[in-house]
Amino acid sequence: MDGLVFLLRDVFVWLFENTMEPLGNIPNGIFLILLFVGLFVWLKMQAKYNAEAEANPDQIK
């Protein structure tokens, strides 16, 4: 079991040192943009579902 944990540790250390560290703050900006895009999509979909619910008189409230 220790071998698996150490292998995963080595993979993650290599991944972050060689790929993420040189990028600096770029991944943070990408995650922030994705967060706002996802929030916008979610709010648009929720508004559509709320409008459908208001227009449907047969639903249980």
PDB file of N, CA and C in Angstrom:
ATOM      1  N   MET A   1       0.824  -1.197   0.000  1.00  0.00           N
ATOM      2  CA  MET A   1       0.000   0.000   0.000  1.00  0.00           C
ATOM      3  C   MET A   1       0.867   1.259   0.000  1.00  0.00           C
ATOM      4  N   ASP A   2       1.967   1.225   0.742  1.00  0.00           N
ATOM      5  CA  ASP A   2       2.849   2.388   0.774  1.00  0.00           C
ATOM      6  C   ASP A   2       3.423   2.681  -0.601  1.00  0.00           C
ATOM      7  N   GLY A   3       3.693   1.633  -1.365  1.00  0.00           N
ATOM      8  CA  GLY A   3       4.242   1.823  -2.700  1.00  0.00           C
ATOM      9  C   GLY A   3       3.305   2.616  -3.593  1.00  0.00           C
ATOM     10  N   LEU A   4       2.005   2.336  -3.482  1.00  0.00           N
ATOM     11  CA  LEU A   4       1.015   3.068  -4.282  1.00  0.00           C
ATOM     12  C   LEU A   4       0.950   4.531  -3.862  1.00  0.00           C
ATOM     13  N   VAL A   5       0.953   4.771  -2.571  1.00  0.00           N
ATOM     14  CA  VAL A   5       0.891   6.145  -2.064  1.00  0.00           C
ATOM     15  C   VAL A   5       2.139   6.922  -2.485  1.00  0.00           C
ATOM     16  N   PHE A   6       3.301   6.316  -2.375  1.00  0.00           N
ATOM     17  CA  PHE A   6       4.532   7.003  -2.767  1.00  0.00           C
ATOM     18  C   PHE A   6       4.577   7.236  -4.273  1.00  0.00           C
ATOM     19  N   LEU A   7       4.059   6.294  -5.047  1.00  0.00           N
ATOM     20  CA  LEU A   7       3.995   6.464  -6.499  1.00  0.00           C
ATOM     21  C   LEU A   7       3.099   7.639  -6.860  1.00  0.00           C
ATOM     22  N   LEU A   8       1.925   7.704  -6.235  1.00  0.00           N
ATOM     23  CA  LEU A   8       1.019   8.831  -6.481  1.00  0.00           C
ATOM     24  C   LEU A   8       1.659  10.151  -6.071  1.00  0.00           C
ATOM     25  N   ARG A   9       2.345  10.139  -4.930  1.00  0.00           N
ATOM     26  CA  ARG A   9       3.033  11.348  -4.485  1.00  0.00           C
ATOM     27  C   ARG A   9       4.058  11.806  -5.507  1.00  0.00           C
ATOM     28  N   ASP A  10       4.856  10.870  -5.996  1.00  0.00           N
ATOM     29  CA  ASP A  10       5.887  11.222  -6.978  1.00  0.00           C
ATOM     30  C   ASP A  10       5.275  11.749  -8.275  1.00  0.00           C
ATOM     31  N   VAL A  11       4.168  11.151  -8.695  1.00  0.00           N
ATOM     32  CA  VAL A  11       3.498  11.616  -9.918  1.00  0.00           C
ATOM     33  C   VAL A  11       2.980  13.030  -9.723  1.00  0.00           C
ATOM     34  N   PHE A  12       2.324  13.288  -8.593  1.00  0.00           N
ATOM     35  CA  PHE A  12       1.784  14.625  -8.350  1.00  0.00           C
ATOM     36  C   PHE A  12       2.885  15.670  -8.198  1.00  0.00           C
ATOM     37  N   VAL A  13       3.960  15.332  -7.523  1.00  0.00           N
ATOM     38  CA  VAL A  13       5.079  16.265  -7.373  1.00  0.00           C
ATOM     39  C   VAL A  13       5.661  16.588  -8.740  1.00  0.00           C
ATOM     40  N   TRP A  14       5.870  15.566  -9.563  1.00  0.00           N
ATOM     41  CA  TRP A  14       6.408  15.801 -10.913  1.00  0.00           C
ATOM     42  C   TRP A  14       5.446  16.652 -11.728  1.00  0.00           C
ATOM     43  N   LEU A  15       4.146  16.329 -11.650  1.00  0.00           N
ATOM     44  CA  LEU A  15       3.142  17.051 -12.431  1.00  0.00           C
ATOM     45  C   LEU A  15       3.126  18.527 -12.067  1.00  0.00           C
ATOM     46  N   PHE A  16       3.094  18.832 -10.792  1.00  0.00           N
ATOM     47  CA  PHE A  16       2.992  20.228 -10.381  1.00  0.00           C
ATOM     48  C   PHE A  16       4.296  20.987 -10.576  1.00  0.00           C
ATOM     49  N   GLU A  17       5.424  20.337 -10.381  1.00  0.00           N
ATOM     50  CA  GLU A  17       6.696  21.041 -10.567  1.00  0.00           C
ATOM     51  C   GLU A  17       6.988  21.305 -12.038  1.00  0.00           C
ATOM     52  N   ASN A  18       6.623  20.396 -12.908  1.00  0.00           N
ATOM     53  CA  ASN A  18       7.000  20.517 -14.312  1.00  0.00           C
ATOM     54  C   ASN A  18       5.935  21.161 -15.190  1.00  0.00           C
ATOM     55  N   THR A  19       4.687  21.112 -14.780  1.00  0.00           N
ATOM     56  CA  THR A  19       3.641  21.664 -15.651  1.00  0.00           C
ATOM     57  C   THR A  19       2.947  22.869 -15.047  1.00  0.00           C
ATOM     58  N   MET A  20       2.604  22.801 -13.782  1.00  0.00           N
ATOM     59  CA  MET A  20       1.807  23.877 -13.192  1.00  0.00           C
ATOM     60  C   MET A  20       2.656  25.052 -12.713  1.00  0.00           C
ATOM     61  N   GLU A  21       3.786  24.784 -12.149  1.00  0.00           N
ATOM     62  CA  GLU A  21       4.616  25.854 -11.590  1.00  0.00           C
ATOM     63  C   GLU A  21       5.072  26.861 -12.647  1.00  0.00           C
ATOM     64  N   PRO A  22       5.517  26.430 -13.834  1.00  0.00           N
ATOM     65  CA  PRO A  22       5.925  27.427 -14.834  1.00  0.00           C
ATOM     66  C   PRO A  22       4.768  28.294 -15.347  1.00  0.00           C
ATOM     67  N   LEU A  23       3.531  27.813 -15.192  1.00  0.00           N
ATOM     68  CA  LEU A  23       2.386  28.579 -15.674  1.00  0.00           C
ATOM     69  C   LEU A  23       2.058  29.760 -14.762  1.00  0.00           C
ATOM     70  N   GLY A  24       2.521  29.725 -13.556  1.00  0.00           N
ATOM     71  CA  GLY A  24       2.276  30.831 -12.630  1.00  0.00           C
ATOM     72  C   GLY A  24       0.815  30.920 -12.239  1.00  0.00           C
ATOM     73  N   ASN A  25       0.217  32.084 -12.465  1.00  0.00           N
ATOM     74  CA  ASN A  25      -1.155  32.345 -12.042  1.00  0.00           C
ATOM     75  C   ASN A  25      -2.180  32.058 -13.134  1.00  0.00           C
ATOM     76  N   ILE A  26      -1.749  31.594 -14.277  1.00  0.00           N
ATOM     77  CA  ILE A  26      -2.663  31.356 -15.395  1.00  0.00           C
ATOM     78  C   ILE A  26      -3.749  30.332 -15.037  1.00  0.00           C
ATOM     79  N   PRO A  27      -3.435  29.190 -14.412  1.00  0.00           N
ATOM     80  CA  PRO A  27      -4.506  28.249 -14.050  1.00  0.00           C
ATOM     81  C   PRO A  27      -5.553  28.859 -13.121  1.00  0.00           C
ATOM     82  N   ASN A  28      -5.129  29.727 -12.206  1.00  0.00           N
ATOM     83  CA  ASN A  28      -6.099  30.385 -11.319  1.00  0.00           C
ATOM     84  C   ASN A  28      -7.057  31.250 -12.119  1.00  0.00           C
ATOM     85  N   GLY A  29      -6.544  31.969 -13.084  1.00  0.00           N
ATOM     86  CA  GLY A  29      -7.402  32.794 -13.934  1.00  0.00           C
ATOM     87  C   GLY A  29      -8.365  31.958 -14.750  1.00  0.00           C
ATOM     88  N   ILE A  30      -7.882  30.830 -15.261  1.00  0.00           N
ATOM     89  CA  ILE A  30      -8.749  29.946 -16.040  1.00  0.00           C
ATOM     90  C   ILE A  30      -9.864  29.383 -15.167  1.00  0.00           C
ATOM     91  N   PHE A  31      -9.519  28.942 -13.951  1.00  0.00           N
ATOM     92  CA  PHE A  31     -10.541  28.415 -13.048  1.00  0.00           C
ATOM     93  C   PHE A  31     -11.556  29.499 -12.674  1.00  0.00           C
ATOM     94  N   LEU A  32     -11.106  30.711 -12.488  1.00  0.00           N
ATOM     95  CA  LEU A  32     -12.011  31.804 -12.150  1.00  0.00           C
ATOM     96  C   LEU A  32     -12.964  32.098 -13.302  1.00  0.00           C
ATOM     97  N   ILE A  33     -12.456  32.123 -14.514  1.00  0.00           N
ATOM     98  CA  ILE A  33     -13.301  32.354 -15.691  1.00  0.00           C
ATOM     99  C   ILE A  33     -14.321  31.230 -15.829  1.00  0.00           C
ATOM    100  N   LEU A  34     -13.878  29.976 -15.672  1.00  0.00           N
ATOM    101  CA  LEU A  34     -14.806  28.839 -15.750  1.00  0.00           C
ATOM    102  C   LEU A  34     -15.875  28.918 -14.672  1.00  0.00           C
ATOM    103  N   LEU A  35     -15.500  29.373 -13.495  1.00  0.00           N
ATOM    104  CA  LEU A  35     -16.463  29.528 -12.413  1.00  0.00           C
ATOM    105  C   LEU A  35     -17.557  30.519 -12.799  1.00  0.00           C
ATOM    106  N   PHE A  36     -17.171  31.669 -13.331  1.00  0.00           N
ATOM    107  CA  PHE A  36     -18.158  32.676 -13.705  1.00  0.00           C
ATOM    108  C   PHE A  36     -19.002  32.239 -14.892  1.00  0.00           C
ATOM    109  N   VAL A  37     -18.419  31.552 -15.853  1.00  0.00           N
ATOM    110  CA  VAL A  37     -19.195  31.043 -16.988  1.00  0.00           C
ATOM    111  C   VAL A  37     -20.205  30.012 -16.500  1.00  0.00           C
ATOM    112  N   GLY A  38     -19.770  29.094 -15.633  1.00  0.00           N
ATOM    113  CA  GLY A  38     -20.688  28.097 -15.089  1.00  0.00           C
ATOM    114  C   GLY A  38     -21.803  28.727 -14.276  1.00  0.00           C
ATOM    115  N   LEU A  39     -21.477  29.738 -13.489  1.00  0.00           N
ATOM    116  CA  LEU A  39     -22.493  30.438 -12.705  1.00  0.00           C
ATOM    117  C   LEU A  39     -23.505  31.114 -13.622  1.00  0.00           C
ATOM    118  N   PHE A  40     -23.032  31.759 -14.694  1.00  0.00           N
ATOM    119  CA  PHE A  40     -23.924  32.423 -15.634  1.00  0.00           C
ATOM    120  C   PHE A  40     -24.852  31.413 -16.303  1.00  0.00           C
ATOM    121  N   VAL A  41     -24.312  30.274 -16.746  1.00  0.00           N
ATOM    122  CA  VAL A  41     -25.132  29.239 -17.396  1.00  0.00           C
ATOM    123  C   VAL A  41     -26.171  28.708 -16.409  1.00  0.00           C
ATOM    124  N   TRP A  42     -25.742  28.441 -15.198  1.00  0.00           N
ATOM    125  CA  TRP A  42     -26.655  27.923 -14.186  1.00  0.00           C
ATOM    126  C   TRP A  42     -27.798  28.912 -13.915  1.00  0.00           C
ATOM    127  N   LEU A  43     -27.469  30.192 -13.768  1.00  0.00           N
ATOM    128  CA  LEU A  43     -28.508  31.187 -13.490  1.00  0.00           C
ATOM    129  C   LEU A  43     -29.467  31.346 -14.667  1.00  0.00           C
ATOM    130  N   LYS A  44     -28.948  31.268 -15.895  1.00  0.00           N
ATOM    131  CA  LYS A  44     -29.818  31.342 -17.080  1.00  0.00           C
ATOM    132  C   LYS A  44     -30.770  30.140 -17.115  1.00  0.00           C
ATOM    133  N   MET A  45     -30.246  28.954 -16.842  1.00  0.00           N
ATOM    134  CA  MET A  45     -31.098  27.768 -16.837  1.00  0.00           C
ATOM    135  C   MET A  45     -32.133  27.844 -15.721  1.00  0.00           C
ATOM    136  N   GLN A  46     -31.741  28.322 -14.553  1.00  0.00           N
ATOM    137  CA  GLN A  46     -32.674  28.430 -13.439  1.00  0.00           C
ATOM    138  C   GLN A  46     -33.780  29.424 -13.755  1.00  0.00           C
ATOM    139  N   ALA A  47     -33.438  30.534 -14.411  1.00  0.00           N
ATOM    140  CA  ALA A  47     -34.455  31.514 -14.794  1.00  0.00           C
ATOM    141  C   ALA A  47     -35.451  30.889 -15.773  1.00  0.00           C
ATOM    142  N   LYS A  48     -34.947  30.076 -16.701  1.00  0.00           N
ATOM    143  CA  LYS A  48     -35.830  29.405 -17.660  1.00  0.00           C
ATOM    144  C   LYS A  48     -36.763  28.439 -16.935  1.00  0.00           C
ATOM    145  N   TYR A  49     -36.230  27.657 -15.994  1.00  0.00           N
ATOM    146  CA  TYR A  49     -37.064  26.711 -15.258  1.00  0.00           C
ATOM    147  C   TYR A  49     -38.084  27.433 -14.378  1.00  0.00           C
ATOM    148  N   ASN A  50     -37.693  28.552 -13.791  1.00  0.00           N
ATOM    149  CA  ASN A  50     -38.639  29.318 -12.975  1.00  0.00           C
ATOM    150  C   ASN A  50     -39.768  29.885 -13.834  1.00  0.00           C
ATOM    151  N   ALA A  51     -39.446  30.356 -15.041  1.00  0.00           N
ATOM    152  CA  ALA A  51     -40.474  30.873 -15.939  1.00  0.00           C
ATOM    153  C   ALA A  51     -41.426  29.757 -16.369  1.00  0.00           C
ATOM    154  N   GLU A  52     -40.902  28.577 -16.636  1.00  0.00           N
ATOM    155  CA  GLU A  52     -41.751  27.436 -16.983  1.00  0.00           C
ATOM    156  C   GLU A  52     -42.669  27.074 -15.820  1.00  0.00           C
ATOM    157  N   ALA A  53     -42.152  27.113 -14.619  1.00  0.00           N
ATOM    158  CA  ALA A  53     -42.946  26.772 -13.441  1.00  0.00           C
ATOM    159  C   ALA A  53     -44.052  27.795 -13.209  1.00  0.00           C
ATOM    160  N   GLU A  54     -43.779  29.051 -13.436  1.00  0.00           N
ATOM    161  CA  GLU A  54     -44.795  30.092 -13.267  1.00  0.00           C
ATOM    162  C   GLU A  54     -45.887  29.972 -14.322  1.00  0.00           C
ATOM    163  N   ALA A  55     -45.529  29.518 -15.522  1.00  0.00           N
ATOM    164  CA  ALA A  55     -46.494  29.425 -16.613  1.00  0.00           C
ATOM    165  C   ALA A  55     -47.343  28.158 -16.538  1.00  0.00           C
ATOM    166  N   ASN A  56     -46.971  27.190 -15.728  1.00  0.00           N
ATOM    167  CA  ASN A  56     -47.673  25.929 -15.635  1.00  0.00           C
ATOM    168  C   ASN A  56     -48.626  25.943 -14.435  1.00  0.00           C
ATOM    169  N   PRO A  57     -49.942  26.065 -14.688  1.00  0.00           N
ATOM    170  CA  PRO A  57     -50.873  26.133 -13.554  1.00  0.00           C
ATOM    171  C   PRO A  57     -51.179  24.765 -12.951  1.00  0.00           C
ATOM    172  N   ASP A  58     -50.799  23.673 -13.608  1.00  0.00           N
ATOM    173  CA  ASP A  58     -51.151  22.341 -13.138  1.00  0.00           C
ATOM    174  C   ASP A  58     -50.170  21.766 -12.120  1.00  0.00           C
ATOM    175  N   GLN A  59     -49.111  22.461 -11.836  1.00  0.00           N
ATOM    176  CA  GLN A  59     -48.123  21.898 -10.919  1.00  0.00           C
ATOM    177  C   GLN A  59     -48.519  22.135  -9.461  1.00  0.00           C
ATOM    178  N   ILE A  60     -48.011  21.285  -8.620  1.00  0.00           N
ATOM    179  CA  ILE A  60     -48.280  21.401  -7.183  1.00  0.00           C
ATOM    180  C   ILE A  60     -47.324  22.410  -6.579  1.00  0.00           C
ATOM    181  N   LYS A  61     -47.864  23.349  -5.837  1.00  0.00           N
ATOM    182  CA  LYS A  61     -47.021  24.380  -5.228  1.00  0.00           C
ATOM    183  C   LYS A  61     -47.095  24.287  -3.729  1.00  0.00           C
TER     184      LYS A  61
END
